[in-house]
Amino acid sequence: MTQPASPARRTTPDPPAAPTGEPPPGRGRRTPLGFRPDIRNLTLLGVLAVLVAVGGITEPDAFLDTGNLQLVLTQASIIGVVTVGMTFVITGGGIDLSVGAVVALASVWATTVATQEYGFTGILFTAVAVGLGCGLVNGVLIAYGGLVPFIATLAMLASARGLALQITDGRTQMVTVESVLDLGVRDSYVLGVPPLVLVFAAVVVLGWLLFNRTTFGRRTLAVGGNAEAARLAGIDIRRHRLLLYLLSGLCCGIAAFLLVVLSGSGQNTNGNLYELDAIAAAIIGGTLLSGGRGTITGSVLGVLVFTTITNIFALNNMESAVQQIAKGAIIVAAVLVQHRTLRTRGET
């Protein structure tokens, strides 16, 4: 007895394959090394080139001097390290308003008489430990305490500034450890590059690898883009947010040590408005303020743009108030451009 033939299966055509080799919006095609040039980064490079030209025209002798260019890079190194940590936090959907105060607290705690008795290692360890401790408090309050990042880090800003003032009693604490001070002199430069710049470069490279080549970086993008979807995908949201603020605190501790090397002292006024500079540099570099998108390379270029602007203003004897107004205007313009871009792409 023959069995009836089974009905023919209904098949549906496979969906068309996605085009290969097409760059995502806002990026160029891949280079032979596998990188995609970002239009925003190229624009920032153009802006930086224009600023260098302006500095060279307005104050050619002073601006183009090797010592001044080394100073620009050194100053960019300190806020640049802070900005790397800020980029991770903002990309993960948070904000950290306490970075400047944490830098101040770490710098004064690391330069007390008791700490300096332990020499180079004691100063470095204390600065990093204080930064990590503040990041831990921020992370616990936000991730496990349920506080809004704005409120938690604002409270840390006030507390850290107050504690720094109490430790110093309003005085400047001078560094007496020669091995620390030696890092700021020209004899310690490597092929004309200050050690602080080398530390900054190392932090940028490690930050870029962590952001672009690890699971941690992908989870940061996922948490910042859609926290609920990330949770359903198995990501521990609270632990990851805690790690983000620990990373920001670590960067603040490193920046505090670099600042101690550069200034040779610890002051409760250190890190003033660092939160403004770090957030601004990250935003104009392409990090989305609402989270879910960020770029370490863009943030570094943003730092260089702001530092160059500050240097040009200083060489031309312009008031610091004008510098702050210019920075505020740049922040507003960058956010407006981001918002308009997202509306054009239909992402909002």
Protein backbone atom coordinates (compact mmCIF):
# COMPACT_ATOMS: atom_id res chain seq x y z
CA MET A 1 0.00 0.00 0.00
CA THR A 2 1.51 3.17 -1.11
CA GLN A 3 1.35 6.21 1.14
CA PRO A 4 -0.03 9.40 -0.30
CA ALA A 5 2.56 11.85 -1.34
CA SER A 6 3.14 14.57 1.23
CA PRO A 7 2.11 18.00 0.15
CA ALA A 8 4.89 20.11 -1.19
CA ARG A 9 6.43 22.44 1.32
CA ARG A 10 5.76 26.06 0.91
CA THR A 11 8.97 27.93 0.81
CA THR A 12 9.55 31.63 1.07
CA PRO A 13 12.40 33.34 -0.64
CA ASP A 14 15.29 34.31 1.59
CA PRO A 15 15.40 37.98 2.47
CA PRO A 16 17.83 39.94 0.39
CA ALA A 17 21.29 39.99 1.87
CA ALA A 18 22.42 43.21 3.40
CA PRO A 19 24.83 45.05 1.21
CA THR A 20 28.39 44.41 2.24
CA GLY A 21 31.01 47.05 2.55
CA GLU A 22 28.54 49.87 3.05
CA PRO A 23 29.55 52.22 5.85
CA PRO A 24 27.09 53.19 8.58
CA PRO A 25 25.60 56.65 8.49
CA GLY A 26 28.13 59.36 9.14
CA ARG A 27 31.14 57.22 8.36
CA GLY A 28 33.32 56.68 5.36
CA ARG A 29 34.29 53.45 3.67
CA ARG A 30 36.78 51.14 5.29
CA THR A 31 40.45 51.71 4.73
CA PRO A 32 42.80 48.82 3.95
CA LEU A 33 43.58 48.62 7.69
CA GLY A 34 39.92 48.12 8.54
CA PHE A 35 39.16 51.56 9.97
CA ARG A 36 36.31 53.82 8.92
CA PRO A 37 37.11 57.52 8.90
CA ASP A 38 34.41 59.37 10.84
CA ILE A 39 33.10 62.55 9.23
CA ARG A 40 32.79 64.24 12.61
CA ASN A 41 36.39 63.42 13.47
CA LEU A 42 37.56 64.72 10.13
CA THR A 43 35.60 67.91 10.79
CA LEU A 44 37.23 68.29 14.20
CA LEU A 45 40.63 67.80 12.62
CA GLY A 46 39.74 70.60 10.22
CA VAL A 47 38.67 72.83 13.10
CA LEU A 48 41.90 72.05 14.92
CA ALA A 49 43.90 72.94 11.81
CA VAL A 50 42.05 76.26 11.54
CA LEU A 51 42.77 77.02 15.21
CA VAL A 52 46.46 76.27 14.73
CA ALA A 53 46.46 78.64 11.74
CA VAL A 54 44.72 81.34 13.79
CA GLY A 55 47.22 80.93 16.62
CA GLY A 56 50.09 81.05 14.15
CA ILE A 57 48.76 84.24 12.58
CA THR A 58 47.81 86.15 15.75
CA GLU A 59 50.83 85.16 17.89
CA PRO A 60 53.30 83.38 15.60
CA ASP A 61 56.34 83.61 17.85
CA ALA A 62 54.56 82.55 21.03
CA PHE A 63 52.02 80.02 19.73
CA LEU A 64 54.32 78.08 17.41
CA ASP A 65 57.10 77.93 19.96
CA THR A 66 57.99 74.34 20.86
CA GLY A 67 57.61 75.05 24.55
CA ASN A 68 54.09 76.39 24.03
CA LEU A 69 53.02 73.40 21.96
CA GLN A 70 54.39 71.09 24.66
CA LEU A 71 52.41 73.08 27.22
CA VAL A 72 49.20 72.72 25.20
CA LEU A 73 49.64 68.96 25.01
CA THR A 74 50.49 68.75 28.71
CA GLN A 75 47.41 70.72 29.72
CA ALA A 76 45.29 68.62 27.37
CA SER A 77 46.64 65.47 29.01
CA ILE A 78 45.10 66.20 32.40
CA ILE A 79 41.58 67.07 31.25
CA GLY A 80 41.94 64.46 28.50
CA VAL A 81 42.32 61.61 30.99
CA VAL A 82 39.18 62.83 32.78
CA THR A 83 37.35 63.03 29.46
CA VAL A 84 38.11 59.40 28.64
CA GLY A 85 36.28 58.33 31.79
CA MET A 86 33.47 60.81 31.13
CA THR A 87 32.99 59.38 27.63
CA PHE A 88 32.31 55.94 29.06
CA VAL A 89 29.86 57.31 31.64
CA ILE A 90 27.88 59.42 29.16
CA THR A 91 27.81 56.63 26.58
CA GLY A 92 26.41 54.36 29.29
CA GLY A 93 23.53 56.76 29.85
CA GLY A 94 24.91 58.58 32.89
CA ILE A 95 26.65 61.83 33.79
CA ASP A 96 29.37 62.71 36.28
CA LEU A 97 29.37 66.27 37.61
CA SER A 98 31.87 65.47 40.35
CA VAL A 99 35.02 64.89 38.29
CA GLY A 100 36.58 68.29 39.00
CA ALA A 101 35.94 68.05 42.74
CA VAL A 102 37.25 64.48 42.83
CA VAL A 103 40.46 65.62 41.11
CA ALA A 104 40.81 68.36 43.74
CA LEU A 105 40.21 65.96 46.64
CA ALA A 106 42.61 63.36 45.26
CA SER A 107 45.32 65.95 44.66
CA VAL A 108 45.17 67.43 48.18
CA TRP A 109 44.87 64.05 49.88
CA ALA A 110 47.91 62.83 47.93
CA THR A 111 50.00 65.86 48.93
CA THR A 112 49.47 65.91 52.69
CA VAL A 113 52.59 65.67 54.83
CA ALA A 114 51.63 62.19 56.00
CA THR A 115 51.16 60.93 52.45
CA GLN A 116 54.39 62.44 51.12
CA GLU A 117 56.34 60.49 53.72
CA TYR A 118 55.70 57.42 51.55
CA GLY A 119 57.28 59.07 48.52
CA PHE A 120 56.33 58.62 44.88
CA THR A 121 54.39 55.41 45.44
CA GLY A 122 52.39 56.86 48.30
CA ILE A 123 51.32 59.92 46.32
CA LEU A 124 50.35 57.91 43.25
CA PHE A 125 48.52 55.24 45.25
CA THR A 126 46.60 57.80 47.32
CA ALA A 127 45.49 59.80 44.28
CA VAL A 128 44.22 56.70 42.50
CA ALA A 129 42.63 55.24 45.65
CA VAL A 130 40.73 58.47 46.41
CA GLY A 131 39.48 58.61 42.81
CA LEU A 132 38.33 55.00 42.94
CA GLY A 133 36.69 55.57 46.32
CA CYS A 134 34.67 58.51 45.05
CA GLY A 135 33.72 56.56 41.93
CA LEU A 136 32.61 53.66 44.12
CA VAL A 137 30.35 55.93 46.18
CA ASN A 138 28.85 57.45 43.03
CA GLY A 139 28.33 54.03 41.48
CA VAL A 140 26.69 52.50 44.54
CA LEU A 141 24.33 55.45 45.02
CA ILE A 142 23.30 55.41 41.36
CA ALA A 143 23.30 51.69 40.53
CA TYR A 144 22.08 50.25 43.81
CA GLY A 145 20.63 53.27 45.61
CA GLY A 146 18.46 54.34 42.71
CA LEU A 147 19.60 57.97 42.76
CA VAL A 148 19.55 59.98 39.55
CA PRO A 149 23.15 60.42 38.28
CA PHE A 150 22.75 64.20 38.23
CA ILE A 151 21.79 64.33 41.91
CA ALA A 152 24.30 61.74 43.15
CA THR A 153 27.29 63.29 41.39
CA LEU A 154 26.19 66.80 42.32
CA ALA A 155 26.20 65.71 45.98
CA MET A 156 29.68 64.23 45.49
CA LEU A 157 30.82 67.50 43.91
CA ALA A 158 29.80 69.48 46.99
CA SER A 159 31.14 66.89 49.46
CA ALA A 160 34.50 66.42 47.73
CA ARG A 161 35.07 70.18 47.45
CA GLY A 162 34.20 70.63 51.09
CA LEU A 163 36.49 67.82 52.23
CA ALA A 164 39.33 69.14 50.07
CA LEU A 165 38.93 72.56 51.66
CA GLN A 166 38.91 71.03 55.13
CA ILE A 167 42.09 69.02 54.48
CA THR A 168 44.04 72.02 53.18
CA ASP A 169 42.41 74.66 55.38
CA GLY A 170 42.55 76.86 52.31
CA ARG A 171 46.33 76.55 51.96
CA THR A 172 48.44 75.26 49.10
CA GLN A 173 50.26 72.00 49.88
CA MET A 174 53.68 71.97 48.23
CA VAL A 175 55.19 68.71 46.98
CA THR A 176 58.65 67.92 48.35
CA VAL A 177 59.17 64.48 46.77
CA GLU A 178 61.88 64.96 44.14
CA SER A 179 60.94 61.89 42.11
CA VAL A 180 57.48 63.37 41.55
CA LEU A 181 58.74 66.85 40.69
CA ASP A 182 61.32 65.43 38.28
CA LEU A 183 58.57 64.21 35.96
CA GLY A 184 57.65 67.82 35.20
CA VAL A 185 61.10 69.05 34.16
CA ARG A 186 62.44 69.03 30.62
CA ASP A 187 65.18 66.55 31.43
CA SER A 188 62.50 63.88 31.81
CA TYR A 189 61.04 64.43 28.34
CA VAL A 190 61.22 61.46 25.99
CA LEU A 191 62.24 62.63 22.49
CA GLY A 192 60.78 66.01 23.33
CA VAL A 193 57.49 64.56 24.61
CA PRO A 194 56.56 65.28 28.26
CA PRO A 195 55.89 62.20 30.42
CA LEU A 196 52.37 63.46 31.17
CA VAL A 197 51.57 63.32 27.46
CA LEU A 198 52.86 59.75 27.29
CA VAL A 199 50.58 58.79 30.19
CA PHE A 200 47.66 60.45 28.42
CA ALA A 201 48.45 58.56 25.22
CA ALA A 202 48.53 55.28 27.12
CA VAL A 203 45.17 56.01 28.76
CA VAL A 204 43.65 56.89 25.36
CA VAL A 205 44.94 53.70 23.74
CA LEU A 206 43.68 51.53 26.59
CA GLY A 207 40.36 53.39 26.63
CA TRP A 208 39.96 52.96 22.88
CA LEU A 209 40.66 49.24 23.09
CA LEU A 210 38.28 48.83 26.02
CA PHE A 211 35.56 50.78 24.23
CA ASN A 212 35.89 49.25 20.77
CA ARG A 213 37.41 45.81 21.20
CA THR A 214 35.88 44.32 24.35
CA THR A 215 32.56 43.08 25.65
CA PHE A 216 32.64 45.87 28.23
CA GLY A 217 32.52 48.48 25.48
CA ARG A 218 29.64 46.76 23.69
CA ARG A 219 27.72 46.47 26.93
CA THR A 220 28.28 50.16 27.61
CA LEU A 221 26.68 51.02 24.28
CA ALA A 222 23.81 48.63 24.97
CA VAL A 223 23.12 49.98 28.46
CA GLY A 224 23.20 53.57 27.25
CA GLY A 225 21.07 52.87 24.20
CA ASN A 226 18.30 50.83 25.86
CA ALA A 227 18.82 49.72 29.44
CA GLU A 228 15.73 47.49 29.52
CA ALA A 229 16.71 45.67 26.33
CA ALA A 230 20.22 45.24 27.73
CA ARG A 231 18.78 43.75 30.93
CA LEU A 232 16.65 41.31 28.95
CA ALA A 233 19.78 40.35 27.02
CA GLY A 234 21.38 39.22 30.26
CA ILE A 235 23.51 42.24 31.14
CA ASP A 236 23.74 43.09 34.84
CA ILE A 237 22.77 46.76 34.52
CA ARG A 238 23.56 47.74 38.10
CA ARG A 239 26.98 46.14 38.14
CA HIS A 240 27.89 47.67 34.81
CA ARG A 241 26.88 51.17 35.92
CA LEU A 242 28.96 50.71 39.05
CA LEU A 243 31.96 49.77 36.90
CA LEU A 244 31.45 52.84 34.71
CA TYR A 245 31.67 55.19 37.69
CA LEU A 246 34.64 53.28 39.07
CA LEU A 247 36.34 53.83 35.71
CA SER A 248 35.53 57.53 35.86
CA GLY A 249 36.95 57.72 39.39
CA LEU A 250 40.11 55.91 38.28
CA CYS A 251 40.62 58.46 35.50
CA CYS A 252 40.13 61.29 37.99
CA GLY A 253 42.76 59.78 40.26
CA ILE A 254 45.26 59.52 37.42
CA ALA A 255 44.49 63.09 36.34
CA ALA A 256 44.99 64.29 39.92
CA PHE A 257 48.46 62.75 40.00
CA LEU A 258 49.33 64.37 36.66
CA LEU A 259 48.12 67.70 37.99
CA VAL A 260 50.29 67.32 41.10
CA VAL A 261 53.29 66.63 38.86
CA LEU A 262 52.53 69.66 36.66
CA SER A 263 51.85 72.16 39.45
CA GLY A 264 54.04 70.68 42.16
CA SER A 265 51.28 71.20 44.69
CA GLY A 266 47.82 70.21 45.84
CA GLN A 267 45.02 72.77 46.17
CA ASN A 268 41.33 72.59 46.95
CA THR A 269 40.69 74.74 43.85
CA ASN A 270 42.23 72.17 41.50
CA GLY A 271 39.98 70.75 38.80
CA ASN A 272 37.74 73.82 38.69
CA LEU A 273 35.12 73.41 35.93
CA TYR A 274 36.72 70.16 34.74
CA GLU A 275 33.22 68.70 34.53
CA LEU A 276 32.27 71.39 32.00
CA ASP A 277 35.38 70.82 29.90
CA ALA A 278 35.09 67.02 29.95
CA ILE A 279 31.40 66.97 29.06
CA ALA A 280 31.90 69.57 26.35
CA ALA A 281 34.84 67.72 24.80
CA ALA A 282 32.93 64.43 24.77
CA ILE A 283 29.83 66.01 23.23
CA ILE A 284 31.55 67.89 20.42
CA GLY A 285 33.57 64.75 19.79
CA GLY A 286 30.40 62.83 18.94
CA THR A 287 29.30 61.24 22.22
CA LEU A 288 25.51 61.34 22.46
CA LEU A 289 24.40 63.14 25.62
CA SER A 290 21.45 60.78 26.07
CA GLY A 291 23.74 57.73 25.85
CA GLY A 292 24.13 54.82 23.47
CA ARG A 293 26.81 56.30 21.26
CA GLY A 294 30.32 57.55 21.92
CA THR A 295 33.81 57.77 20.56
CA ILE A 296 37.14 57.99 22.35
CA THR A 297 38.90 59.43 19.31
CA GLY A 298 36.34 62.21 18.97
CA SER A 299 36.59 63.03 22.66
CA VAL A 300 40.37 63.39 22.41
CA LEU A 301 39.99 65.71 19.44
CA GLY A 302 37.43 67.70 21.40
CA VAL A 303 39.93 68.09 24.25
CA LEU A 304 42.60 69.31 21.85
CA VAL A 305 40.18 71.82 20.31
CA PHE A 306 39.20 73.28 23.69
CA THR A 307 42.78 73.36 24.98
CA THR A 308 43.97 75.10 21.83
CA ILE A 309 41.18 77.68 22.10
CA THR A 310 42.13 78.37 25.73
CA ASN A 311 45.79 78.75 24.79
CA ILE A 312 45.03 81.15 21.93
CA PHE A 313 42.79 83.26 24.18
CA ALA A 314 45.50 83.38 26.85
CA LEU A 315 48.22 84.40 24.39
CA ASN A 316 45.98 87.17 23.09
CA ASN A 317 45.27 88.39 26.66
CA MET A 318 41.55 87.68 26.50
CA GLU A 319 39.65 87.40 29.77
CA SER A 320 38.81 83.99 31.19
CA ALA A 321 35.13 84.99 31.20
CA VAL A 322 35.25 85.17 27.40
CA GLN A 323 36.72 81.67 27.32
CA GLN A 324 33.87 80.28 29.41
CA ILE A 325 31.27 82.02 27.23
CA ALA A 326 32.88 80.54 24.13
CA LYS A 327 32.90 77.06 25.66
CA GLY A 328 29.25 77.37 26.65
CA ALA A 329 28.32 78.46 23.13
CA ILE A 330 30.22 75.51 21.64
CA ILE A 331 28.39 73.07 23.93
CA VAL A 332 24.98 74.45 22.93
CA ALA A 333 25.90 74.35 19.25
CA ALA A 334 27.15 70.77 19.52
CA VAL A 335 23.96 69.57 21.24
CA LEU A 336 21.78 71.34 18.66
CA VAL A 337 23.74 69.72 15.84
CA GLN A 338 23.36 66.30 17.50
CA HIS A 339 19.62 66.78 17.93
CA ARG A 340 19.14 67.92 14.35
CA THR A 341 21.22 65.01 13.05
CA LEU A 342 19.17 62.47 14.99
CA ARG A 343 15.91 63.99 13.76
CA THR A 344 17.17 63.81 10.18
CA ARG A 345 18.04 60.12 10.60
CA GLY A 346 14.74 59.39 12.29
CA GLU A 347 16.37 58.26 15.53
CA THR A 348 14.28 60.51 17.76
